[in-house]
Amino acid sequence: MILQLITSFFAAAAFCILFNAPRRALFQCGIAGMIGWVLYWELEREWGTVISTFAATVVVGVISQIFARSFKMPVIIFSVGGIIPMVPGGLAYDAMRNFVESDNNQAIQYGVQALLLSGAIAAGLVLSEVLGQMFRRRTG
């Protein structure tokens, strides 16, 4: 568990460096990624990959909203860094590799799984944005 915490923190923070996030936001980006990954990792055993990705992304989105308000920065800085550990890049690579190797059945399976996970990430970010707007209107 400790190794999962450490590697997800550094993966998210390192991507934020590539993303040109401000230095003062790197710690918060790492925290968002770490919380999202650990939540995904814990929920995945019970709920499956797609549902746990969606739930973890919603939490990352809410955390990103909180960090954006607290540190007066755009939400995207924290949300992009936070979802990086959950992006299905390996699945997309495997899908393309299998297409090239003419293993179309396996390629379609990987491609559909990558598409479902990408959709879960997008839907989770949209839901967290809607929740943030509802909260702001109520406290307005």
N, C-alpha and C. Protein backbone atom coordinates (compact mmCIF):
# COMPACT_ATOMS: atom_id res chain seq x y z
N MET A 1 0.83 -1.19 0.00
CA MET A 1 0.00 0.00 0.00
C MET A 1 0.88 1.26 0.00
N ILE A 2 1.93 1.26 0.79
CA ILE A 2 2.83 2.41 0.85
C ILE A 2 3.47 2.66 -0.53
N LEU A 3 3.85 1.58 -1.19
CA LEU A 3 4.46 1.72 -2.52
C LEU A 3 3.45 2.31 -3.51
N GLN A 4 2.18 1.91 -3.42
CA GLN A 4 1.14 2.48 -4.27
C GLN A 4 0.99 3.98 -4.02
N LEU A 5 1.00 4.37 -2.74
CA LEU A 5 0.89 5.79 -2.39
C LEU A 5 2.03 6.60 -2.97
N ILE A 6 3.24 6.11 -2.78
CA ILE A 6 4.43 6.84 -3.21
C ILE A 6 4.49 6.96 -4.73
N THR A 7 4.30 5.84 -5.43
CA THR A 7 4.44 5.87 -6.89
C THR A 7 3.33 6.69 -7.55
N SER A 8 2.11 6.61 -7.03
CA SER A 8 1.03 7.41 -7.62
C SER A 8 1.25 8.90 -7.37
N PHE A 9 1.78 9.25 -6.20
CA PHE A 9 2.08 10.65 -5.91
C PHE A 9 3.12 11.18 -6.89
N PHE A 10 4.21 10.45 -7.06
CA PHE A 10 5.27 10.92 -7.95
C PHE A 10 4.87 10.89 -9.41
N ALA A 11 4.05 9.93 -9.81
CA ALA A 11 3.58 9.89 -11.20
C ALA A 11 2.74 11.13 -11.52
N ALA A 12 1.83 11.47 -10.62
CA ALA A 12 0.98 12.64 -10.85
C ALA A 12 1.80 13.93 -10.80
N ALA A 13 2.68 14.05 -9.83
CA ALA A 13 3.49 15.26 -9.72
C ALA A 13 4.45 15.40 -10.90
N ALA A 14 5.04 14.30 -11.34
CA ALA A 14 5.97 14.35 -12.47
C ALA A 14 5.24 14.73 -13.76
N PHE A 15 4.03 14.23 -13.94
CA PHE A 15 3.28 14.63 -15.13
C PHE A 15 2.95 16.10 -15.09
N CYS A 16 2.67 16.61 -13.92
CA CYS A 16 2.37 18.04 -13.80
C CYS A 16 3.59 18.89 -14.15
N ILE A 17 4.77 18.37 -13.91
CA ILE A 17 5.98 19.07 -14.35
C ILE A 17 5.99 19.14 -15.88
N LEU A 18 5.68 18.02 -16.54
CA LEU A 18 5.62 18.00 -18.00
C LEU A 18 4.50 18.90 -18.52
N PHE A 19 3.44 19.01 -17.76
CA PHE A 19 2.26 19.80 -18.11
C PHE A 19 2.50 21.29 -17.84
N ASN A 20 3.66 21.63 -17.30
CA ASN A 20 4.04 23.00 -16.96
C ASN A 20 3.15 23.61 -15.88
N ALA A 21 2.77 22.81 -14.92
CA ALA A 21 2.01 23.34 -13.78
C ALA A 21 2.95 24.19 -12.92
N PRO A 22 2.42 25.19 -12.25
CA PRO A 22 3.27 25.99 -11.36
C PRO A 22 3.91 25.11 -10.28
N ARG A 23 5.12 25.46 -9.93
CA ARG A 23 5.84 24.66 -8.92
C ARG A 23 5.09 24.58 -7.60
N ARG A 24 4.42 25.64 -7.25
CA ARG A 24 3.71 25.65 -5.96
C ARG A 24 2.49 24.74 -5.97
N ALA A 25 2.10 24.20 -7.15
CA ALA A 25 0.95 23.31 -7.24
C ALA A 25 1.35 21.83 -7.34
N LEU A 26 2.63 21.54 -7.45
CA LEU A 26 3.06 20.16 -7.67
C LEU A 26 2.67 19.23 -6.52
N PHE A 27 2.79 19.70 -5.30
CA PHE A 27 2.45 18.86 -4.15
C PHE A 27 0.96 18.52 -4.19
N GLN A 28 0.12 19.51 -4.45
CA GLN A 28 -1.33 19.27 -4.49
C GLN A 28 -1.71 18.36 -5.66
N CYS A 29 -1.02 18.50 -6.79
CA CYS A 29 -1.26 17.61 -7.92
C CYS A 29 -0.92 16.17 -7.55
N GLY A 30 0.18 16.01 -6.87
CA GLY A 30 0.57 14.67 -6.41
C GLY A 30 -0.43 14.09 -5.43
N ILE A 31 -0.93 14.92 -4.54
CA ILE A 31 -1.94 14.46 -3.57
C ILE A 31 -3.21 14.03 -4.29
N ALA A 32 -3.66 14.82 -5.27
CA ALA A 32 -4.87 14.47 -6.02
C ALA A 32 -4.69 13.14 -6.75
N GLY A 33 -3.56 12.96 -7.38
CA GLY A 33 -3.29 11.71 -8.08
C GLY A 33 -3.19 10.53 -7.13
N MET A 34 -2.56 10.75 -6.00
CA MET A 34 -2.41 9.68 -5.01
C MET A 34 -3.76 9.25 -4.45
N ILE A 35 -4.59 10.21 -4.09
CA ILE A 35 -5.91 9.87 -3.54
C ILE A 35 -6.76 9.17 -4.59
N GLY A 36 -6.74 9.66 -5.81
CA GLY A 36 -7.50 9.03 -6.88
C GLY A 36 -7.06 7.61 -7.14
N TRP A 37 -5.75 7.38 -7.20
CA TRP A 37 -5.25 6.04 -7.49
C TRP A 37 -5.54 5.06 -6.36
N VAL A 38 -5.33 5.49 -5.13
CA VAL A 38 -5.58 4.59 -4.00
C VAL A 38 -7.06 4.26 -3.89
N LEU A 39 -7.93 5.23 -4.14
CA LEU A 39 -9.36 4.95 -4.14
C LEU A 39 -9.71 3.97 -5.26
N TYR A 40 -9.19 4.20 -6.45
CA TYR A 40 -9.40 3.27 -7.56
C TYR A 40 -8.92 1.87 -7.18
N TRP A 41 -7.73 1.80 -6.65
CA TRP A 41 -7.10 0.52 -6.33
C TRP A 41 -7.92 -0.26 -5.30
N GLU A 42 -8.46 0.43 -4.31
CA GLU A 42 -9.28 -0.22 -3.28
C GLU A 42 -10.65 -0.64 -3.82
N LEU A 43 -11.27 0.20 -4.63
CA LEU A 43 -12.61 -0.09 -5.13
C LEU A 43 -12.61 -1.12 -6.26
N GLU A 44 -11.51 -1.23 -6.99
CA GLU A 44 -11.44 -2.08 -8.18
C GLU A 44 -11.72 -3.54 -7.86
N ARG A 45 -11.28 -4.01 -6.74
CA ARG A 45 -11.50 -5.42 -6.37
C ARG A 45 -12.98 -5.74 -6.23
N GLU A 46 -13.73 -4.80 -5.69
CA GLU A 46 -15.14 -5.05 -5.39
C GLU A 46 -16.08 -4.61 -6.51
N TRP A 47 -15.81 -3.48 -7.14
CA TRP A 47 -16.75 -2.90 -8.10
C TRP A 47 -16.35 -3.08 -9.56
N GLY A 48 -15.16 -3.47 -9.82
CA GLY A 48 -14.70 -3.58 -11.20
C GLY A 48 -13.98 -2.32 -11.65
N THR A 49 -13.35 -2.44 -12.79
CA THR A 49 -12.47 -1.38 -13.27
C THR A 49 -13.20 -0.10 -13.66
N VAL A 50 -14.28 -0.22 -14.41
CA VAL A 50 -14.95 0.97 -14.94
C VAL A 50 -15.62 1.77 -13.82
N ILE A 51 -16.35 1.11 -12.95
CA ILE A 51 -17.05 1.82 -11.87
C ILE A 51 -16.04 2.45 -10.91
N SER A 52 -14.98 1.73 -10.59
CA SER A 52 -13.99 2.29 -9.67
C SER A 52 -13.24 3.46 -10.31
N THR A 53 -13.00 3.40 -11.61
CA THR A 53 -12.39 4.54 -12.30
C THR A 53 -13.30 5.75 -12.25
N PHE A 54 -14.59 5.54 -12.48
CA PHE A 54 -15.56 6.64 -12.42
C PHE A 54 -15.58 7.25 -11.02
N ALA A 55 -15.70 6.41 -9.99
CA ALA A 55 -15.78 6.91 -8.61
C ALA A 55 -14.51 7.67 -8.23
N ALA A 56 -13.35 7.11 -8.57
CA ALA A 56 -12.09 7.77 -8.23
C ALA A 56 -11.95 9.09 -8.98
N THR A 57 -12.43 9.15 -10.21
CA THR A 57 -12.35 10.39 -10.98
C THR A 57 -13.26 11.46 -10.40
N VAL A 58 -14.43 11.07 -9.93
CA VAL A 58 -15.32 12.04 -9.29
C VAL A 58 -14.63 12.63 -8.07
N VAL A 59 -14.00 11.79 -7.28
CA VAL A 59 -13.29 12.27 -6.08
C VAL A 59 -12.13 13.18 -6.48
N VAL A 60 -11.37 12.80 -7.50
CA VAL A 60 -10.27 13.66 -7.97
C VAL A 60 -10.82 15.00 -8.44
N GLY A 61 -11.94 14.98 -9.13
CA GLY A 61 -12.55 16.23 -9.60
C GLY A 61 -12.98 17.13 -8.45
N VAL A 62 -13.56 16.54 -7.42
CA VAL A 62 -13.98 17.33 -6.25
C VAL A 62 -12.76 17.90 -5.54
N ILE A 63 -11.74 17.07 -5.37
CA ILE A 63 -10.51 17.54 -4.74
C ILE A 63 -9.88 18.67 -5.57
N SER A 64 -9.93 18.52 -6.89
CA SER A 64 -9.38 19.56 -7.77
C SER A 64 -10.15 20.87 -7.62
N GLN A 65 -11.45 20.77 -7.49
CA GLN A 65 -12.26 21.97 -7.26
C GLN A 65 -11.85 22.66 -5.96
N ILE A 66 -11.67 21.87 -4.92
CA ILE A 66 -11.28 22.42 -3.62
C ILE A 66 -9.89 23.07 -3.70
N PHE A 67 -8.94 22.37 -4.32
CA PHE A 67 -7.60 22.92 -4.45
C PHE A 67 -7.61 24.19 -5.30
N ALA A 68 -8.39 24.20 -6.37
CA ALA A 68 -8.45 25.38 -7.23
C ALA A 68 -8.96 26.60 -6.47
N ARG A 69 -9.97 26.40 -5.66
CA ARG A 69 -10.50 27.52 -4.85
C ARG A 69 -9.49 27.93 -3.78
N SER A 70 -8.89 26.95 -3.13
CA SER A 70 -7.96 27.25 -2.03
C SER A 70 -6.69 27.96 -2.49
N PHE A 71 -6.16 27.54 -3.64
CA PHE A 71 -4.89 28.07 -4.11
C PHE A 71 -5.04 29.06 -5.27
N LYS A 72 -6.30 29.39 -5.61
CA LYS A 72 -6.60 30.37 -6.65
C LYS A 72 -5.87 30.06 -7.97
N MET A 73 -6.09 28.84 -8.44
CA MET A 73 -5.52 28.37 -9.70
C MET A 73 -6.62 27.69 -10.50
N PRO A 74 -6.41 27.49 -11.79
CA PRO A 74 -7.40 26.78 -12.60
C PRO A 74 -7.57 25.32 -12.15
N VAL A 75 -8.78 24.83 -12.25
CA VAL A 75 -9.10 23.45 -11.84
C VAL A 75 -8.32 22.44 -12.66
N ILE A 76 -8.11 22.74 -13.92
CA ILE A 76 -7.49 21.78 -14.83
C ILE A 76 -6.08 21.39 -14.39
N ILE A 77 -5.38 22.27 -13.72
CA ILE A 77 -4.04 21.95 -13.23
C ILE A 77 -4.08 20.74 -12.31
N PHE A 78 -5.05 20.71 -11.42
CA PHE A 78 -5.13 19.63 -10.45
C PHE A 78 -5.85 18.40 -11.01
N SER A 79 -6.86 18.62 -11.85
CA SER A 79 -7.62 17.47 -12.35
C SER A 79 -6.82 16.65 -13.35
N VAL A 80 -6.08 17.30 -14.23
CA VAL A 80 -5.27 16.54 -15.19
C VAL A 80 -4.19 15.74 -14.47
N GLY A 81 -3.51 16.37 -13.54
CA GLY A 81 -2.51 15.64 -12.77
C GLY A 81 -3.13 14.52 -11.95
N GLY A 82 -4.33 14.74 -11.45
CA GLY A 82 -4.98 13.75 -10.60
C GLY A 82 -5.47 12.52 -11.33
N ILE A 83 -5.85 12.68 -12.60
CA ILE A 83 -6.37 11.51 -13.32
C ILE A 83 -5.28 10.72 -14.04
N ILE A 84 -4.09 11.24 -14.12
CA ILE A 84 -3.02 10.58 -14.87
C ILE A 84 -2.79 9.13 -14.43
N PRO A 85 -2.78 8.80 -13.14
CA PRO A 85 -2.57 7.39 -12.80
C PRO A 85 -3.67 6.46 -13.30
N MET A 86 -4.84 6.99 -13.64
CA MET A 86 -5.96 6.14 -14.07
C MET A 86 -6.14 6.09 -15.59
N VAL A 87 -5.39 6.85 -16.35
CA VAL A 87 -5.55 6.89 -17.80
C VAL A 87 -5.14 5.54 -18.39
N PRO A 88 -5.98 4.97 -19.27
CA PRO A 88 -5.72 3.62 -19.79
C PRO A 88 -4.76 3.58 -20.98
N GLY A 89 -3.61 4.17 -20.83
CA GLY A 89 -2.63 4.20 -21.92
C GLY A 89 -2.11 2.83 -22.29
N GLY A 90 -1.91 1.98 -21.31
CA GLY A 90 -1.42 0.63 -21.59
C GLY A 90 -2.43 -0.19 -22.39
N LEU A 91 -3.69 -0.04 -22.07
CA LEU A 91 -4.74 -0.75 -22.82
C LEU A 91 -4.81 -0.26 -24.26
N ALA A 92 -4.72 1.04 -24.45
CA ALA A 92 -4.75 1.59 -25.80
C ALA A 92 -3.55 1.10 -26.61
N TYR A 93 -2.40 1.03 -25.98
CA TYR A 93 -1.20 0.52 -26.65
C TYR A 93 -1.40 -0.95 -27.03
N ASP A 94 -1.91 -1.74 -26.09
CA ASP A 94 -2.14 -3.16 -26.38
C ASP A 94 -3.16 -3.34 -27.50
N ALA A 95 -4.19 -2.50 -27.55
CA ALA A 95 -5.18 -2.58 -28.63
C ALA A 95 -4.51 -2.32 -29.98
N MET A 96 -3.72 -1.28 -30.07
CA MET A 96 -3.05 -0.96 -31.33
C MET A 96 -2.05 -2.04 -31.72
N ARG A 97 -1.32 -2.55 -30.74
CA ARG A 97 -0.34 -3.61 -31.02
C ARG A 97 -1.04 -4.84 -31.58
N ASN A 98 -2.19 -5.21 -30.99
CA ASN A 98 -2.91 -6.38 -31.47
C ASN A 98 -3.54 -6.14 -32.84
N PHE A 99 -3.96 -4.93 -33.13
CA PHE A 99 -4.43 -4.64 -34.49
C PHE A 99 -3.30 -4.82 -35.50
N VAL A 100 -2.13 -4.33 -35.17
CA VAL A 100 -0.98 -4.45 -36.07
C VAL A 100 -0.60 -5.92 -36.27
N GLU A 101 -0.73 -6.71 -35.20
CA GLU A 101 -0.40 -8.14 -35.28
C GLU A 101 -1.55 -8.98 -35.82
N SER A 102 -2.62 -8.33 -36.28
CA SER A 102 -3.80 -8.98 -36.86
C SER A 102 -4.57 -9.86 -35.89
N ASP A 103 -4.46 -9.58 -34.61
CA ASP A 103 -5.28 -10.26 -33.60
C ASP A 103 -6.45 -9.35 -33.28
N ASN A 104 -7.39 -9.28 -34.22
CA ASN A 104 -8.47 -8.30 -34.15
C ASN A 104 -9.41 -8.51 -32.96
N ASN A 105 -9.70 -9.75 -32.62
CA ASN A 105 -10.60 -10.00 -31.48
C ASN A 105 -10.02 -9.44 -30.18
N GLN A 106 -8.76 -9.72 -29.92
CA GLN A 106 -8.12 -9.21 -28.71
C GLN A 106 -7.99 -7.70 -28.77
N ALA A 107 -7.70 -7.17 -29.95
CA ALA A 107 -7.56 -5.72 -30.12
C ALA A 107 -8.88 -5.02 -29.82
N ILE A 108 -9.98 -5.58 -30.28
CA ILE A 108 -11.29 -4.98 -30.02
C ILE A 108 -11.60 -5.02 -28.53
N GLN A 109 -11.27 -6.12 -27.87
CA GLN A 109 -11.51 -6.21 -26.43
C GLN A 109 -10.73 -5.13 -25.68
N TYR A 110 -9.45 -4.99 -26.00
CA TYR A 110 -8.64 -3.95 -25.35
C TYR A 110 -9.15 -2.55 -25.70
N GLY A 111 -9.52 -2.35 -26.95
CA GLY A 111 -10.00 -1.05 -27.37
C GLY A 111 -11.29 -0.64 -26.69
N VAL A 112 -12.21 -1.59 -26.57
CA VAL A 112 -13.48 -1.29 -25.89
C VAL A 112 -13.23 -0.98 -24.42
N GLN A 113 -12.36 -1.75 -23.78
CA GLN A 113 -12.04 -1.50 -22.38
C GLN A 113 -11.41 -0.12 -22.20
N ALA A 114 -10.49 0.25 -23.08
CA ALA A 114 -9.87 1.58 -23.01
C ALA A 114 -10.91 2.67 -23.24
N LEU A 115 -11.83 2.44 -24.17
CA LEU A 115 -12.89 3.41 -24.43
C LEU A 115 -13.82 3.56 -23.23
N LEU A 116 -14.17 2.45 -22.59
CA LEU A 116 -15.03 2.52 -21.40
C LEU A 116 -14.34 3.27 -20.26
N LEU A 117 -13.06 3.00 -20.06
CA LEU A 117 -12.33 3.70 -19.00
C LEU A 117 -12.19 5.19 -19.31
N SER A 118 -11.95 5.51 -20.56
CA SER A 118 -11.85 6.93 -20.94
C SER A 118 -13.19 7.63 -20.75
N GLY A 119 -14.27 6.95 -21.09
CA GLY A 119 -15.60 7.50 -20.87
C GLY A 119 -15.91 7.69 -19.40
N ALA A 120 -15.47 6.74 -18.57
CA ALA A 120 -15.68 6.85 -17.13
C ALA A 120 -14.92 8.05 -16.56
N ILE A 121 -13.72 8.27 -17.07
CA ILE A 121 -12.93 9.43 -16.61
C ILE A 121 -13.62 10.73 -17.03
N ALA A 122 -14.06 10.80 -18.27
CA ALA A 122 -14.74 12.01 -18.74
C ALA A 122 -16.02 12.26 -17.96
N ALA A 123 -16.82 11.21 -17.76
CA ALA A 123 -18.08 11.37 -17.03
C ALA A 123 -17.83 11.76 -15.58
N GLY A 124 -16.80 11.20 -14.97
CA GLY A 124 -16.46 11.56 -13.59
C GLY A 124 -16.05 13.01 -13.45
N LEU A 125 -15.27 13.51 -14.41
CA LEU A 125 -14.87 14.92 -14.36
C LEU A 125 -16.06 15.84 -14.59
N VAL A 126 -16.96 15.46 -15.49
CA VAL A 126 -18.16 16.27 -15.73
C VAL A 126 -19.03 16.30 -14.48
N LEU A 127 -19.25 15.12 -13.86
CA LEU A 127 -20.07 15.07 -12.66
C LEU A 127 -19.47 15.91 -11.53
N SER A 128 -18.17 15.85 -11.36
CA SER A 128 -17.54 16.64 -10.30
C SER A 128 -17.68 18.14 -10.57
N GLU A 129 -17.62 18.53 -11.84
CA GLU A 129 -17.81 19.94 -12.19
C GLU A 129 -19.24 20.38 -11.89
N VAL A 130 -20.21 19.53 -12.22
CA VAL A 130 -21.61 19.85 -11.94
C VAL A 130 -21.83 19.95 -10.44
N LEU A 131 -21.27 19.01 -9.69
CA LEU A 131 -21.39 19.07 -8.23
C LEU A 131 -20.77 20.35 -7.68
N GLY A 132 -19.61 20.74 -8.22
CA GLY A 132 -18.96 21.97 -7.79
C GLY A 132 -19.82 23.21 -8.07
N GLN A 133 -20.44 23.24 -9.24
CA GLN A 133 -21.30 24.37 -9.58
C GLN A 133 -22.54 24.41 -8.69
N MET A 134 -23.11 23.25 -8.40
CA MET A 134 -24.27 23.21 -7.51
C MET A 134 -23.91 23.71 -6.11
N PHE A 135 -22.74 23.31 -5.63
CA PHE A 135 -22.29 23.74 -4.31
C PHE A 135 -22.07 25.25 -4.29
N ARG A 136 -21.45 25.78 -5.34
CA ARG A 136 -21.19 27.22 -5.40
C ARG A 136 -22.49 28.03 -5.45
N ARG A 137 -23.48 27.52 -6.14
CA ARG A 137 -24.77 28.23 -6.21
C ARG A 137 -25.46 28.24 -4.86
N ARG A 138 -25.37 27.15 -4.12
CA ARG A 138 -26.02 27.09 -2.80
C ARG A 138 -25.32 27.98 -1.79
N THR A 139 -24.00 28.05 -1.86
CA THR A 139 -23.26 28.87 -0.89
C THR A 139 -23.10 30.30 -1.39
N GLY A 140 -23.39 30.52 -2.68
CA GLY A 140 -23.23 31.76 -3.40
C GLY A 140 -23.33 32.98 -2.64
